[in-house]
Protein backbone atom coordinates (compact mmCIF):
# COMPACT_ATOMS: atom_id res chain seq x y z
CA MET A 1 229.12 66.40 102.30
CA VAL A 2 229.22 64.57 98.88
CA SER A 3 228.98 66.69 96.05
CA SER A 4 226.93 66.40 93.44
CA ARG A 5 229.73 65.90 91.09
CA VAL A 6 231.03 63.08 93.40
CA LEU A 7 227.78 61.17 93.28
CA VAL A 8 227.00 61.94 89.36
CA LEU A 9 230.90 60.23 89.03
CA VAL A 10 230.12 57.25 91.35
CA VAL A 11 226.51 56.24 89.74
CA VAL A 12 228.56 56.12 86.33
CA VAL A 13 231.17 54.37 87.16
CA VAL A 14 228.67 51.73 88.93
CA SER A 15 226.52 51.29 86.25
CA ALA A 16 229.18 51.11 83.77
CA VAL A 17 230.70 48.49 85.70
CA VAL A 18 227.64 46.19 86.29
CA GLY A 19 226.69 47.12 82.85
CA ALA A 20 229.88 45.31 81.55
CA GLN A 21 229.47 42.37 84.16
CA ASN A 22 225.54 41.78 83.48
CA PRO A 23 225.12 43.07 79.89
CA GLY A 24 221.39 44.66 79.64
CA SER A 25 220.76 44.28 83.51
CA VAL A 26 221.42 48.18 83.94
CA THR A 27 218.36 48.44 81.60
CA ASN A 28 216.69 45.95 82.43
CA PRO A 29 212.85 47.60 83.88
CA GLU A 30 212.77 44.11 85.92
CA LYS A 31 214.25 44.81 89.25
CA GLY A 32 216.56 42.34 90.06
CA PRO A 33 219.63 41.09 92.48
CA GLU A 34 221.52 43.11 90.29
CA GLU A 35 219.99 46.56 91.26
CA GLU A 36 220.42 45.49 94.87
CA ASP A 37 223.55 44.69 94.35
CA VAL A 38 224.02 48.41 92.84
CA ARG A 39 222.44 50.11 95.64
CA VAL A 40 224.62 49.10 98.25
CA LEU A 41 227.62 49.47 96.17
CA VAL A 42 226.36 53.28 96.04
CA GLN A 43 225.69 53.52 99.50
CA GLN A 44 229.20 52.15 100.09
CA LEU A 45 231.19 54.44 97.95
CA ILE A 46 229.00 57.45 99.27
CA ALA A 47 230.02 56.67 102.93
CA ARG A 48 233.59 56.06 102.18
CA VAL A 49 233.55 59.47 100.12
CA ASP A 50 232.33 60.89 103.54
CA LYS A 51 234.67 59.88 105.26
CA LEU A 52 237.31 60.89 103.02
CA GLU A 53 236.19 64.19 103.08
CA ARG A 54 235.93 64.34 106.97
CA GLU A 55 240.03 63.45 106.96
CA LEU A 56 240.42 65.74 104.30
CA GLU A 57 238.89 68.54 106.39
CA GLU A 58 240.84 67.41 109.46
CA GLU A 59 243.92 67.52 107.84
CA ARG A 60 243.04 70.52 106.54
CA ALA A 61 242.80 72.19 109.84
CA LYS A 62 246.04 71.08 111.11
CA SER A 63 247.69 72.40 108.18
CA GLN A 64 246.25 75.90 109.16
CA VAL A 65 249.27 77.36 111.50
CA ALA A 66 250.24 80.68 111.86
CA PHE A 67 251.52 82.80 114.95
CA SER A 68 252.75 86.33 115.88
CA ALA A 69 253.88 87.51 119.48
CA SER A 70 255.43 91.05 120.81
CA LEU A 71 257.43 91.04 124.34
CA VAL A 72 254.94 93.54 125.53
CA ASN A 73 252.00 95.37 124.48
CA THR A 74 252.17 98.63 126.49
CA GLU A 75 253.43 102.28 125.12
CA LEU A 76 256.33 102.51 127.74
CA TRP A 77 259.54 101.83 126.94
CA THR A 78 260.19 98.25 128.33
CA HIS A 79 263.67 96.84 128.63
CA GLN A 80 264.62 93.28 129.63
CA GLY A 81 268.11 92.64 130.78
CA PRO A 82 270.63 92.40 130.60
CA PHE A 83 270.82 88.92 132.67
CA ASP A 84 273.29 86.86 134.00
CA SER A 85 272.45 83.82 132.16
CA ASP A 86 271.21 82.81 128.64
CA THR A 87 267.03 83.49 128.66
CA THR A 88 264.28 82.10 126.64
CA LEU A 89 262.54 85.23 125.96
CA LEU A 90 258.25 85.05 126.78
CA PHE A 91 256.72 87.24 123.55
CA LYS A 92 253.55 87.81 125.70
CA THR A 93 251.18 89.85 124.15
CA VAL A 94 249.83 87.28 121.11
CA THR A 95 248.22 88.98 117.99
CA THR A 96 247.82 85.57 116.05
CA ASN A 97 248.07 82.00 117.10
CA ILE A 98 245.97 79.94 114.79
CA GLY A 99 246.39 76.71 115.69
CA ASN A 100 247.32 77.33 118.93
CA ALA A 101 251.10 75.70 118.97
CA TYR A 102 252.77 78.92 120.61
CA ASN A 103 252.60 79.07 124.03
CA ARG A 104 252.83 82.57 125.64
CA ASP A 105 254.13 81.24 129.01
CA THR A 106 256.77 79.59 127.79
CA GLY A 107 258.20 81.48 124.52
CA VAL A 108 257.91 78.34 122.61
CA PHE A 109 256.37 77.22 119.73
CA THR A 110 255.63 73.59 118.82
CA ALA A 111 255.12 72.23 115.70
CA PRO A 112 251.93 70.63 115.20
CA VAL A 113 252.75 68.78 112.31
CA LYS A 114 255.76 68.04 109.54
CA GLY A 115 256.18 70.89 106.90
CA LEU A 116 258.17 73.65 105.65
CA TYR A 117 257.52 77.10 107.89
CA TYR A 118 258.85 80.45 108.04
CA ILE A 119 260.17 82.22 111.13
CA ARG A 120 260.99 85.25 111.90
CA PHE A 121 261.94 87.22 114.79
CA THR A 122 263.17 90.93 115.30
CA GLY A 123 264.38 92.91 118.19
CA TYR A 124 265.53 96.28 119.44
CA VAL A 125 268.37 96.95 121.61
CA GLY A 126 267.76 97.45 125.05
CA ASP A 127 269.39 99.10 127.69
CA SER A 128 272.86 97.19 127.46
CA GLY A 129 273.75 98.79 123.97
CA SER A 130 273.80 95.75 122.45
CA LEU A 131 271.20 92.39 121.44
CA ASN A 132 272.36 89.23 120.61
CA ALA A 133 269.67 86.44 120.30
CA ALA A 134 269.15 83.22 118.53
CA LEU A 135 266.23 81.19 117.56
CA LEU A 136 266.65 77.62 119.23
CA LYS A 137 265.04 74.56 117.56
CA ASN A 138 265.33 71.88 120.11
CA GLY A 139 267.70 73.70 121.60
CA SER A 140 270.13 74.14 118.55
CA ASN A 141 270.87 77.60 116.94
CA MET A 142 269.24 78.01 114.00
CA PHE A 143 269.89 82.01 113.20
CA ALA A 144 270.19 84.92 115.12
CA ILE A 145 270.03 88.53 115.31
CA TYR A 146 272.84 90.98 116.53
CA ASP A 147 273.16 94.82 117.11
CA THR A 148 276.09 96.74 118.55
CA ARG A 149 274.47 100.15 117.58
CA GLY A 150 272.97 101.39 120.57
CA VAL A 151 270.05 101.58 122.61
CA HIS A 152 266.99 101.43 120.21
CA GLY A 153 269.09 100.19 117.17
CA SER A 154 267.12 97.21 115.72
CA SER A 155 267.99 93.84 114.05
CA SER A 156 265.54 91.22 112.05
CA ASN A 157 266.27 87.70 110.50
CA GLY A 158 264.18 85.06 109.35
CA MET A 159 264.28 81.53 107.35
CA ALA A 160 262.52 78.71 106.35
CA LEU A 161 263.04 75.62 108.09
CA VAL A 162 261.46 72.29 107.86
CA LEU A 163 260.30 71.13 110.98
CA GLU A 164 258.79 67.62 112.55
CA ALA A 165 255.74 67.49 114.48
CA GLY A 166 256.98 68.02 117.89
CA ASP A 167 259.71 70.35 117.01
CA ARG A 168 260.09 73.38 119.49
CA LEU A 169 261.16 77.01 118.75
CA SER A 170 262.17 79.61 120.81
CA VAL A 171 263.89 82.96 120.86
CA THR A 172 267.22 82.94 123.32
CA LEU A 173 268.25 86.32 124.58
CA TRP A 174 272.60 85.62 125.00
CA LYS A 175 273.61 86.68 128.75
CA THR A 176 274.81 90.45 129.35
CA GLN A 177 273.01 91.36 126.38
CA SER A 178 269.09 92.96 126.00
CA ILE A 179 266.37 93.83 124.44
CA PHE A 180 263.23 96.07 124.79
CA ASP A 181 259.73 96.43 123.17
CA GLN A 182 257.15 99.07 122.74
CA THR A 183 253.37 98.45 121.11
CA LYS A 184 255.06 95.18 119.35
CA LEU A 185 258.38 96.68 117.74
CA SER A 186 259.94 92.99 118.75
CA THR A 187 258.57 90.11 117.56
CA PHE A 188 258.30 86.43 117.54
CA SER A 189 256.28 85.06 114.25
CA GLY A 190 255.95 82.01 111.94
CA PHE A 191 253.55 80.10 109.65
CA LEU A 192 253.32 76.90 108.01
CA VAL A 193 253.96 77.12 103.92
CA PHE A 194 253.12 73.76 103.63
CA PRO A 195 252.92 70.23 104.92
CA MET A 196 254.98 67.43 103.80
């Protein structure tokens, strides 16, 4: 919707331009071709402003990205691992998923737009007595958490990352390690700080 300030500005600018090109025509009470030209120009400018505002709203919607998920949503102590191979963790209980960029079935967050994102994950040590997990961006290790204090120890880490549209983030639990959760203790979260 075009704001009244924008319309007033458009009319003032058009009047000034037409007045400068045809002195006396703006105040001339007789309607002539210049007035029709001004009317057409105003309509074109209003249509352009409407289009720009729609595009701005679409971009604003794309730049609203935030997610937060935990491994499980139960009061039971739930351990995962140790596994024989590196395993992508599936944070199945999604609390927030603005922009629908996190997929609970794959454990992957896919950046919808290029921008600076803040990503964080927290884990609690499972049955193996040690936890070593990493945040992977398109398969490359970005940062990790590590704790060998024994069962139920915890670790957390986060980082600001510049992501391209389509970049994929996931948390991988390295082989022979374990993690546990109980009502949202082990979490994977992130949000878009600003688009670029």
